[in-house]
Amino acid sequence: MDNKKYPAFKGLNKFFFVSCLLVFSVGLFSSCGSRIGWGLVLWSVKGSELKSGLVVPVYLKSNITKQYVVGLEDKNERFEVPLWQIDYQKSKKAAREKAKAMGELASIYFIAERDGLPVRESPSNNANARRVYRMREGEMVKALARVEGEAVYTGGEKLPGDWYLVLAKDGTRGYVFSYALSLFDESQSQIPEQEEEPALDAKSVNLVFAKTWRPAWYGSMLGNNEVDLDYFSLRFGLFGDALNRQLRVELPASSNVFRYSAVEQKDDWLVFAGSRLRIKPEGTTSLLVSWGTSVPTEEPDDAAGWAGTDTYLRFTYVDSETIRDAIRREEARRGTALREFFSAAEKAGARPDAAGVLRFSSPFAGTMEFWPSGSYSWKDSLFLPAGFTPPSNDAESPQKGSVVFGLRLSENLASQWQGGFSLYPDDTGRRTDYAYALKGGGLQLVPLELSRPGSPSDTTKAKLGTTSLAIRPAQ
């Protein structure tokens, strides 16, 4: 209906709107006056008469603010209390049953006497009982019930104590053993002030998951233009999966998956509860990452992480396209080095057979063959000292595998040797490095110690000596 034509209805509509608004308002506030259920106070509310173990009427529940509005019987006071602090029940009888079950523990709290005390999903200290919360030293939890659980031993001795179902201040419930806890009774004195846990740095958390992070030696290799593809790959890095609450660390000698229940802040470190993982952002392009029993006081070397025992290293951000470009350039350089070896061997008198294979042999070192495709074979090398040839599962059969030329040598080694290559047997894949020289009508070899990522080879395996294989004519 058009109010311009019928002005009387314009005033009527205004009256109707205001009336509806008043009715809605009265209904809204009256909902706070009508009880929706009853609740047991689990954790005393500071500055009020709401003590743990008290049964109270519940008037409202807000899923937006995560709070209950509760009161005191026979009083008009109302209190907004976080959901986790109230055990909600539909009836007063049910709430009283809960209070009765809590019994003498109503006023009992526990305080952690050491840092990192685990709260577990079941009353057991074995690896199958997942940790759901990590207590800080001096942190308080509320005792809810004493329960039966597995005995706890250390050094073969049974520890005294009991298992308790407890409540943390973030609402987490779980089981903790009382050996490393001190008991506090609220009925005897006021609850001590708790040091607040540092606020979680959301930007740091987002930074960890927003990028794929690479070991710090990636930057060193790129800066020095000395990429080693055994340590430089899209496979290696720190990979975050926030949806499934896990982070994965892939390194040349180790692989670790860390599943966590929550992210906590401890000083400058992000602690991934339920795992050993800790991460400290350094600006926006670097992270310190640790998963050992403790964080060392000294910062890690940039080459840390290439050994399987390393648990503390630095990661940096390198975009994937930069990595792909570096890999393509290194593969091209290695291909050039392979062709240069074949060319130098021919100048030294070697003649490839119809398949392009070069052969070198000696009664002492056996026979080595090199294919232009990047393969090798080495047989009859039993007279060489152990460790000279690459490790193999079958020392008596001819060893076959891949050869990669272009190994970078230090200035000292480069002044004595013509170049370097790495051998990778098919059966073990374990790399062995060599320096070589084509002279005196043959191939001279010396095995090398593996160098750290991003560093040229600079040390020979002196105890193994050198060997020479003469050039064999084409067959």
Protein backbone atom coordinates (compact mmCIF):
# COMPACT_ATOMS: atom_id res chain seq x y z
CA MET A 1 0.00 0.00 0.00
CA ASP A 2 1.29 3.46 -0.93
CA ASN A 3 1.65 5.64 2.20
CA LYS A 4 1.76 8.79 0.10
CA LYS A 5 -1.86 8.17 -0.90
CA TYR A 6 -2.96 7.05 2.57
CA PRO A 7 -1.05 9.18 5.19
CA ALA A 8 -2.98 7.62 8.10
CA PHE A 9 -1.27 4.30 7.42
CA LYS A 10 2.15 5.97 7.58
CA GLY A 11 1.67 6.80 11.27
CA LEU A 12 0.15 3.38 11.91
CA ASN A 13 3.21 1.65 10.41
CA LYS A 14 5.53 3.66 12.64
CA PHE A 15 3.47 2.70 15.67
CA PHE A 16 3.51 -0.94 14.62
CA PHE A 17 7.32 -0.92 14.14
CA VAL A 18 8.00 0.63 17.55
CA SER A 19 5.57 -1.79 19.20
CA CYS A 20 7.34 -4.77 17.63
CA LEU A 21 10.72 -3.41 18.72
CA LEU A 22 9.50 -3.10 22.33
CA VAL A 23 8.06 -6.61 22.30
CA PHE A 24 11.35 -7.99 20.89
CA SER A 25 13.40 -6.12 23.52
CA VAL A 26 11.24 -7.38 26.38
CA GLY A 27 11.55 -10.93 25.05
CA LEU A 28 15.33 -10.62 24.74
CA PHE A 29 15.92 -9.45 28.30
CA SER A 30 13.34 -11.79 29.77
CA SER A 31 15.39 -14.69 28.37
CA CYS A 32 18.16 -13.64 30.76
CA GLY A 33 15.68 -13.85 33.62
CA SER A 34 14.46 -17.37 32.84
CA ARG A 35 16.75 -20.22 33.75
CA ILE A 36 17.89 -22.58 30.98
CA GLY A 37 19.61 -25.09 33.26
CA TRP A 38 22.11 -25.58 36.05
CA GLY A 39 25.87 -25.70 36.20
CA LEU A 40 28.73 -26.81 38.39
CA VAL A 41 31.50 -24.24 38.83
CA LEU A 42 34.70 -26.06 37.93
CA TRP A 43 37.18 -23.22 38.52
CA SER A 44 36.50 -20.42 41.01
CA VAL A 45 35.69 -17.03 39.46
CA LYS A 46 38.01 -14.38 40.84
CA GLY A 47 36.34 -11.57 42.81
CA SER A 48 33.02 -13.36 43.23
CA GLU A 49 31.22 -15.91 45.38
CA LEU A 50 31.37 -18.41 42.53
CA LYS A 51 33.66 -21.02 44.06
CA SER A 52 34.64 -24.36 42.57
CA GLY A 53 32.12 -27.06 43.48
CA LEU A 54 29.16 -24.64 43.72
CA VAL A 55 25.92 -25.45 41.84
CA VAL A 56 24.51 -22.34 40.14
CA PRO A 57 21.56 -21.46 37.89
CA VAL A 58 22.42 -20.87 34.23
CA TYR A 59 20.43 -18.20 32.38
CA LEU A 60 22.09 -17.84 29.01
CA LYS A 61 24.69 -19.45 26.76
CA SER A 62 26.49 -17.44 24.07
CA ASN A 63 28.30 -19.40 21.40
CA ILE A 64 29.64 -16.12 20.03
CA THR A 65 31.40 -14.89 23.18
CA LYS A 66 31.88 -18.47 24.48
CA GLN A 67 30.27 -17.58 27.82
CA TYR A 68 27.49 -18.59 30.19
CA VAL A 69 25.46 -16.07 32.14
CA VAL A 70 25.06 -17.56 35.61
CA GLY A 71 23.82 -16.37 38.97
CA LEU A 72 23.57 -17.23 42.63
CA GLU A 73 20.46 -18.78 44.12
CA ASP A 74 18.18 -16.24 45.86
CA LYS A 75 20.26 -13.32 44.51
CA ASN A 76 19.82 -11.07 41.50
CA GLU A 77 23.49 -10.89 40.57
CA ARG A 78 24.54 -12.14 37.16
CA PHE A 79 28.02 -13.21 36.05
CA GLU A 80 29.51 -13.84 32.63
CA VAL A 81 31.72 -16.93 32.89
CA PRO A 82 33.74 -18.68 30.14
CA LEU A 83 32.13 -21.93 28.98
CA TRP A 84 35.05 -24.06 30.14
CA GLN A 85 34.58 -22.97 33.78
CA ILE A 86 31.03 -24.38 34.00
CA ASP A 87 29.91 -27.99 33.71
CA TYR A 88 26.41 -27.41 32.30
CA GLN A 89 23.52 -29.74 33.20
CA LYS A 90 19.83 -29.54 32.36
CA SER A 91 18.66 -30.25 35.91
CA LYS A 92 19.73 -29.18 39.37
CA LYS A 93 19.81 -32.81 40.44
CA ALA A 94 22.32 -33.70 37.72
CA ALA A 95 24.51 -30.72 38.65
CA ARG A 96 24.46 -31.78 42.30
CA GLU A 97 25.48 -35.30 41.32
CA LYS A 98 28.48 -33.82 39.51
CA ALA A 99 29.35 -31.76 42.59
CA LYS A 100 29.07 -34.84 44.79
CA ALA A 101 31.42 -36.76 42.48
CA MET A 102 34.01 -33.96 42.70
CA GLY A 103 33.76 -34.19 46.49
CA GLU A 104 36.85 -33.15 48.43
CA LEU A 105 38.62 -32.13 45.23
CA ALA A 106 36.33 -29.12 44.83
CA SER A 107 38.92 -26.81 46.40
CA ILE A 108 42.03 -28.62 45.14
CA TYR A 109 44.36 -27.29 42.42
CA PHE A 110 47.74 -28.54 41.25
CA ILE A 111 50.82 -26.47 40.37
CA ALA A 112 53.56 -27.81 38.04
CA GLU A 113 56.98 -28.02 39.67
CA ARG A 114 58.83 -28.35 36.37
CA ASP A 115 58.45 -27.11 32.81
CA GLY A 116 56.95 -29.28 30.09
CA LEU A 117 54.88 -31.54 32.35
CA PRO A 118 52.51 -33.46 30.02
CA VAL A 119 48.74 -33.69 30.35
CA ARG A 120 47.69 -36.83 28.46
CA GLU A 121 44.52 -38.14 26.83
CA SER A 122 44.59 -41.24 29.06
CA PRO A 123 46.15 -42.02 32.49
CA SER A 124 49.32 -43.54 31.11
CA ASN A 125 52.85 -42.32 30.52
CA ASN A 126 53.58 -44.52 27.52
CA ALA A 127 53.97 -43.28 23.96
CA ASN A 128 50.43 -44.33 22.99
CA ALA A 129 48.90 -41.83 25.45
CA ARG A 130 48.93 -38.67 23.36
CA ARG A 131 49.88 -35.42 25.08
CA VAL A 132 47.01 -32.94 24.90
CA TYR A 133 48.54 -30.12 26.93
CA ARG A 134 51.97 -29.00 28.10
CA MET A 135 52.22 -27.35 31.52
CA ARG A 136 54.66 -24.55 32.20
CA GLU A 137 56.60 -24.49 35.47
CA GLY A 138 54.40 -22.79 38.06
CA GLU A 139 51.23 -23.22 35.98
CA MET A 140 48.04 -24.24 37.79
CA VAL A 141 45.40 -26.78 36.76
CA LYS A 142 42.16 -27.74 38.50
CA ALA A 143 41.77 -31.24 39.92
CA LEU A 144 38.47 -32.81 38.80
CA ALA A 145 38.83 -36.47 39.79
CA ARG A 146 41.35 -39.02 40.99
CA VAL A 147 41.48 -42.00 38.63
CA GLU A 148 43.14 -45.38 38.25
CA GLY A 149 46.07 -45.40 35.86
CA GLU A 150 49.31 -47.11 34.87
CA ALA A 151 52.25 -47.03 37.29
CA VAL A 152 55.01 -44.60 36.35
CA TYR A 153 58.66 -45.68 36.55
CA THR A 154 61.97 -43.90 36.16
CA GLY A 155 65.29 -45.70 36.20
CA GLY A 156 63.45 -48.91 37.05
CA GLU A 157 61.92 -47.40 40.19
CA LYS A 158 58.21 -46.82 40.67
CA LEU A 159 57.37 -43.17 41.33
CA PRO A 160 54.95 -42.26 44.12
CA GLY A 161 51.79 -40.43 43.10
CA ASP A 162 48.36 -40.74 41.55
CA TRP A 163 46.70 -39.98 38.25
CA TYR A 164 44.17 -37.13 38.16
CA LEU A 165 41.72 -35.81 35.60
CA VAL A 166 42.50 -32.08 35.43
CA LEU A 167 41.27 -28.93 33.73
CA ALA A 168 43.63 -26.33 32.22
CA LYS A 169 42.79 -22.63 31.91
CA ASP A 170 42.18 -22.94 28.17
CA GLY A 171 39.51 -25.59 28.81
CA THR A 172 41.67 -28.60 27.92
CA ARG A 173 40.95 -31.71 29.97
CA GLY A 174 43.34 -34.59 30.41
CA TYR A 175 45.24 -36.78 32.83
CA VAL A 176 48.38 -35.88 34.75
CA PHE A 177 50.53 -37.80 37.22
CA SER A 178 50.96 -36.02 40.54
CA TYR A 179 54.64 -36.82 41.21
CA ALA A 180 55.88 -33.47 39.82
CA LEU A 181 52.89 -31.46 41.10
CA SER A 182 52.40 -29.48 44.29
CA LEU A 183 48.89 -29.39 45.78
CA PHE A 184 47.04 -26.17 46.61
CA ASP A 185 43.85 -26.07 48.69
CA GLU A 186 41.67 -23.06 47.94
CA SER A 187 39.74 -23.53 51.19
CA GLN A 188 42.91 -22.78 53.16
CA SER A 189 44.07 -19.64 51.36
CA GLN A 190 43.45 -17.45 48.33
CA ILE A 191 44.42 -18.79 44.89
CA PRO A 192 47.88 -17.41 44.05
CA GLU A 193 48.25 -15.08 41.11
CA GLN A 194 49.26 -16.90 37.95
CA GLU A 195 51.75 -15.53 35.50
CA GLU A 196 49.89 -15.15 32.24
CA GLU A 197 51.18 -17.14 29.33
CA PRO A 198 52.62 -14.88 26.59
CA ALA A 199 50.08 -14.03 23.92
CA LEU A 200 50.51 -16.11 20.81
CA ASP A 201 52.10 -14.15 17.97
CA ALA A 202 49.61 -14.87 15.18
CA LYS A 203 51.82 -13.22 12.55
CA SER A 204 54.66 -15.59 13.36
CA VAL A 205 52.37 -18.60 13.15
CA ASN A 206 51.02 -17.45 9.79
CA LEU A 207 54.57 -16.88 8.57
CA VAL A 208 55.56 -20.47 9.33
CA PHE A 209 52.65 -21.92 7.35
CA ALA A 210 52.56 -19.36 4.53
CA LYS A 211 55.86 -20.43 2.96
CA THR A 212 57.95 -23.49 2.20
CA TRP A 213 61.25 -23.09 4.02
CA ARG A 214 64.63 -24.43 2.87
CA PRO A 215 67.81 -25.34 4.77
CA ALA A 216 70.13 -22.36 5.19
CA TRP A 217 72.77 -23.95 2.96
CA TYR A 218 70.49 -23.27 -0.03
CA GLY A 219 71.36 -19.60 0.30
CA SER A 220 75.07 -20.37 0.63
CA MET A 221 75.03 -22.60 -2.45
CA LEU A 222 73.21 -20.01 -4.51
CA GLY A 223 75.44 -17.19 -3.30
CA ASN A 224 78.62 -19.12 -4.10
CA ASN A 225 77.17 -20.66 -7.29
CA GLU A 226 78.13 -24.10 -5.93
CA VAL A 227 74.92 -26.12 -6.01
CA ASP A 228 75.18 -29.78 -4.97
CA LEU A 229 72.05 -31.62 -6.12
CA ASP A 230 72.39 -34.22 -3.36
CA TYR A 231 71.59 -31.46 -0.90
CA PHE A 232 69.70 -29.00 -3.08
CA SER A 233 66.26 -30.14 -4.19
CA LEU A 234 62.58 -29.25 -4.00
CA ARG A 235 62.23 -32.34 -1.76
CA PHE A 236 64.09 -30.78 1.17
CA GLY A 237 62.61 -28.22 3.51
CA LEU A 238 60.09 -27.41 6.21
CA PHE A 239 56.54 -28.02 4.98
CA GLY A 240 53.55 -26.85 7.02
CA ASP A 241 50.02 -28.28 6.93
CA ALA A 242 47.82 -26.19 9.25
CA LEU A 243 44.65 -28.04 8.20
CA ASN A 244 45.95 -31.38 9.50
CA ARG A 245 47.99 -29.79 12.28
CA GLN A 246 51.35 -31.11 11.24
CA LEU A 247 54.75 -29.93 10.01
CA ARG A 248 57.18 -32.05 8.04
CA VAL A 249 60.98 -31.65 7.96
CA GLU A 250 62.62 -33.38 4.99
CA LEU A 251 66.44 -33.42 4.92
CA PRO A 252 69.02 -35.47 2.99
CA ALA A 253 69.61 -37.90 5.87
CA SER A 254 66.38 -37.70 7.87
CA SER A 255 62.61 -37.27 7.62
CA ASN A 256 60.39 -36.13 10.51
CA VAL A 257 56.67 -35.47 10.78
CA PHE A 258 55.52 -33.41 13.78
CA ARG A 259 51.84 -33.62 14.69
CA TYR A 260 50.73 -31.05 17.23
CA SER A 261 47.62 -30.28 19.28
CA ALA A 262 48.13 -26.52 19.73
CA VAL A 263 50.65 -23.74 19.15
CA GLU A 264 51.96 -22.02 22.26
CA GLN A 265 54.26 -19.05 22.80
CA LYS A 266 57.31 -19.37 25.05
CA ASP A 267 59.45 -16.24 24.94
CA ASP A 268 60.43 -15.83 21.25
CA TRP A 269 59.71 -19.46 20.38
CA LEU A 270 56.58 -21.07 18.98
CA VAL A 271 56.07 -24.38 20.77
CA PHE A 272 54.03 -27.02 18.93
CA ALA A 273 52.32 -28.85 21.80
CA GLY A 274 52.25 -32.62 21.49
CA SER A 275 55.56 -32.69 19.61
CA ARG A 276 59.22 -31.77 20.18
CA LEU A 277 59.11 -29.05 17.54
CA ARG A 278 60.01 -25.43 18.36
CA ILE A 279 60.33 -22.60 15.86
CA LYS A 280 61.76 -19.10 16.30
CA PRO A 281 61.14 -16.64 13.43
CA GLU A 282 64.04 -14.36 12.54
CA GLY A 283 62.39 -11.55 10.64
CA THR A 284 60.35 -12.67 7.63
CA THR A 285 62.94 -14.69 5.70
CA SER A 286 64.52 -16.99 8.26
CA LEU A 287 63.52 -19.50 10.98
CA LEU A 288 65.40 -21.30 13.71
CA VAL A 289 63.98 -24.81 14.09
CA SER A 290 64.69 -27.31 16.88
CA TRP A 291 63.31 -30.75 17.70
CA GLY A 292 65.90 -32.05 20.15
CA THR A 293 65.48 -32.51 23.88
CA SER A 294 66.52 -28.88 24.40
CA VAL A 295 67.47 -25.82 22.36
CA PRO A 296 71.25 -25.26 22.25
CA THR A 297 72.51 -21.90 23.45
CA GLU A 298 74.64 -21.34 20.34
CA GLU A 299 73.10 -20.70 16.95
CA PRO A 300 73.43 -23.49 14.37
CA ASP A 301 75.94 -23.46 11.56
CA ASP A 302 74.38 -22.81 8.15
CA ALA A 303 75.46 -26.31 7.06
CA ALA A 304 73.57 -27.97 9.94
CA GLY A 305 70.94 -30.47 8.84
CA TRP A 306 72.84 -32.58 6.34
CA ALA A 307 73.75 -35.18 8.98
CA GLY A 308 71.04 -37.49 10.31
CA THR A 309 71.83 -36.52 13.92
CA ASP A 310 71.20 -32.78 13.42
CA THR A 311 68.09 -31.51 15.24
CA TYR A 312 68.77 -27.77 15.31
CA LEU A 313 69.13 -25.74 12.14
CA ARG A 314 68.20 -22.60 10.32
CA PHE A 315 65.73 -22.46 7.43
CA THR A 316 65.46 -19.63 4.93
CA TYR A 317 62.98 -18.73 2.24
CA VAL A 318 63.95 -19.40 -1.36
CA ASP A 319 61.20 -19.34 -3.97
CA SER A 320 60.63 -22.53 -5.94
CA GLU A 321 61.39 -21.04 -9.35
CA THR A 322 64.84 -19.92 -8.18
CA ILE A 323 65.50 -23.49 -7.04
CA ARG A 324 64.33 -24.94 -10.37
CA ASP A 325 66.55 -22.53 -12.33
CA ALA A 326 69.57 -23.43 -10.19
CA ILE A 327 68.91 -27.15 -10.68
CA ARG A 328 68.68 -26.74 -14.45
CA ARG A 329 71.97 -24.81 -14.54
CA GLU A 330 73.73 -27.39 -12.36
CA GLU A 331 72.47 -30.30 -14.48
CA ALA A 332 73.76 -28.54 -17.60
CA ARG A 333 77.16 -27.93 -15.95
CA ARG A 334 77.43 -31.59 -14.98
CA GLY A 335 76.57 -32.67 -18.51
CA THR A 336 79.35 -30.43 -19.83
CA ALA A 337 81.80 -31.91 -17.30
CA LEU A 338 80.92 -35.45 -18.47
CA ARG A 339 81.56 -34.55 -22.10
CA GLU A 340 84.84 -32.84 -21.16
CA PHE A 341 86.01 -36.01 -19.40
CA PHE A 342 85.35 -38.11 -22.51
CA SER A 343 87.12 -35.55 -24.66
CA ALA A 344 90.15 -35.39 -22.34
CA ALA A 345 90.31 -39.21 -22.21
CA GLU A 346 90.40 -39.40 -26.00
CA LYS A 347 93.20 -36.82 -26.09
CA ALA A 348 95.06 -39.00 -23.59
CA GLY A 349 94.79 -41.95 -25.99
CA ALA A 350 91.53 -43.64 -25.01
CA ARG A 351 89.26 -44.86 -27.75
CA PRO A 352 85.54 -45.45 -27.01
CA ASP A 353 83.96 -48.59 -28.47
CA ALA A 354 80.99 -48.57 -30.81
CA ALA A 355 78.65 -47.85 -27.87
CA GLY A 356 80.83 -44.91 -26.79
CA VAL A 357 82.13 -46.75 -23.68
CA LEU A 358 85.57 -45.86 -22.23
CA ARG A 359 87.56 -48.59 -20.44
CA PHE A 360 90.41 -48.43 -17.93
CA SER A 361 92.00 -51.40 -16.15
CA SER A 362 94.87 -52.70 -14.06
CA PRO A 363 95.66 -56.05 -12.38
CA PHE A 364 95.38 -54.37 -8.97
CA ALA A 365 92.36 -52.04 -9.40
CA GLY A 366 90.26 -54.08 -11.83
CA THR A 367 88.31 -52.65 -14.77
CA MET A 368 86.29 -49.43 -14.89
CA GLU A 369 83.91 -48.56 -17.71
CA PHE A 370 82.21 -45.22 -18.33
CA TRP A 371 79.15 -44.73 -20.57
CA PRO A 372 78.37 -41.38 -22.21
CA SER A 373 74.88 -41.66 -20.69
CA GLY A 374 76.34 -41.22 -17.17
CA SER A 375 76.64 -44.85 -16.09
CA TYR A 376 79.66 -46.80 -14.86
CA SER A 377 80.73 -50.34 -13.97
CA TRP A 378 83.66 -51.48 -11.82
CA LYS A 379 84.69 -55.11 -11.54
CA ASP A 380 87.58 -57.20 -10.25
CA SER A 381 88.56 -54.55 -7.68
CA LEU A 382 89.04 -56.99 -4.78
CA PHE A 383 92.72 -56.06 -4.31
CA LEU A 384 91.91 -52.44 -3.50
CA PRO A 385 91.78 -51.53 0.21
CA ALA A 386 88.35 -51.66 1.85
CA GLY A 387 86.57 -48.35 1.41
CA PHE A 388 88.26 -47.42 -1.84
CA THR A 389 85.33 -48.48 -4.00
CA PRO A 390 81.76 -47.44 -3.24
CA PRO A 391 79.93 -49.58 -0.66
CA SER A 392 78.06 -52.45 -2.29
CA ASN A 393 75.91 -55.33 -1.13
CA ASP A 394 77.75 -57.78 -3.39
CA ALA A 395 81.50 -57.19 -3.50
CA GLU A 396 82.15 -60.12 -5.82
CA SER A 397 79.85 -59.07 -8.69
CA PRO A 398 80.62 -56.20 -11.07
CA GLN A 399 79.41 -52.97 -9.51
CA LYS A 400 77.12 -50.82 -11.64
CA GLY A 401 75.59 -47.43 -11.05
CA SER A 402 75.60 -43.74 -11.98
CA VAL A 403 78.56 -41.42 -12.31
CA VAL A 404 78.27 -37.65 -11.93
CA PHE A 405 81.15 -35.49 -13.14
CA GLY A 406 81.80 -31.91 -12.12
CA LEU A 407 82.59 -32.44 -8.42
CA ARG A 408 84.02 -29.16 -7.14
CA LEU A 409 87.52 -29.37 -5.69
CA SER A 410 89.29 -26.99 -3.33
CA GLU A 411 92.11 -24.87 -4.74
CA ASN A 412 94.68 -27.21 -3.21
CA LEU A 413 93.15 -30.36 -4.75
CA ALA A 414 92.43 -28.62 -8.07
CA SER A 415 96.14 -27.82 -8.37
CA GLN A 416 96.99 -31.54 -8.14
CA TRP A 417 94.05 -33.21 -9.88
CA GLN A 418 92.27 -32.64 -13.16
CA GLY A 419 88.72 -32.93 -11.85
CA GLY A 420 86.30 -34.89 -9.68
CA PHE A 421 83.31 -37.21 -9.92
CA SER A 422 80.88 -39.08 -7.67
CA LEU A 423 79.84 -42.72 -7.97
CA TYR A 424 76.39 -43.99 -6.89
CA PRO A 425 76.03 -47.82 -6.94
CA ASP A 426 72.62 -49.05 -8.03
CA ASP A 427 72.25 -51.40 -5.05
CA THR A 428 73.05 -48.94 -2.22
CA GLY A 429 72.92 -45.48 -3.78
CA ARG A 430 75.59 -44.38 -1.30
CA ARG A 431 77.80 -41.71 -2.76
CA THR A 432 81.60 -41.89 -2.97
CA ASP A 433 83.65 -38.96 -4.28
CA TYR A 434 86.92 -39.11 -6.22
CA ALA A 435 89.50 -36.77 -7.69
CA TYR A 436 90.99 -37.93 -10.98
CA ALA A 437 93.74 -37.17 -13.41
CA LEU A 438 94.28 -38.46 -16.95
CA LYS A 439 98.02 -38.81 -17.38
CA GLY A 440 100.73 -41.38 -18.01
CA GLY A 441 98.47 -43.31 -20.34
CA GLY A 442 95.86 -43.99 -17.70
CA LEU A 443 93.33 -42.80 -15.10
CA GLN A 444 94.61 -41.97 -11.62
CA LEU A 445 92.10 -41.91 -8.75
CA VAL A 446 92.03 -40.89 -5.10
CA PRO A 447 88.92 -41.22 -2.90
CA LEU A 448 87.75 -38.10 -1.05
CA GLU A 449 85.99 -37.37 2.21
CA LEU A 450 82.45 -36.06 1.69
CA SER A 451 82.32 -32.31 2.13
CA ARG A 452 79.63 -30.27 3.84
CA PRO A 453 76.82 -28.83 1.69
CA GLY A 454 78.01 -25.83 -0.28
CA SER A 455 81.70 -26.54 0.32
CA PRO A 456 84.21 -27.88 -2.25
CA SER A 457 85.89 -31.21 -1.59
CA ASP A 458 89.22 -30.59 0.13
CA THR A 459 90.28 -33.78 1.94
CA THR A 460 91.52 -37.08 0.52
CA LYS A 461 91.13 -40.42 2.28
CA ALA A 462 94.87 -40.53 2.83
CA LYS A 463 94.95 -44.02 4.37
CA LEU A 464 93.51 -45.51 1.17
CA GLY A 465 96.16 -44.02 -1.12
CA THR A 466 95.74 -43.67 -4.88
CA THR A 467 95.39 -46.11 -7.74
CA SER A 468 95.96 -46.07 -11.49
CA LEU A 469 94.08 -47.81 -14.29
CA ALA A 470 95.56 -47.99 -17.76
CA ILE A 471 93.65 -47.00 -20.86
CA ARG A 472 92.26 -50.04 -22.63
CA PRO A 473 91.75 -50.09 -26.39
CA ALA A 474 88.22 -50.18 -27.77
CA GLN A 475 86.73 -53.66 -28.03
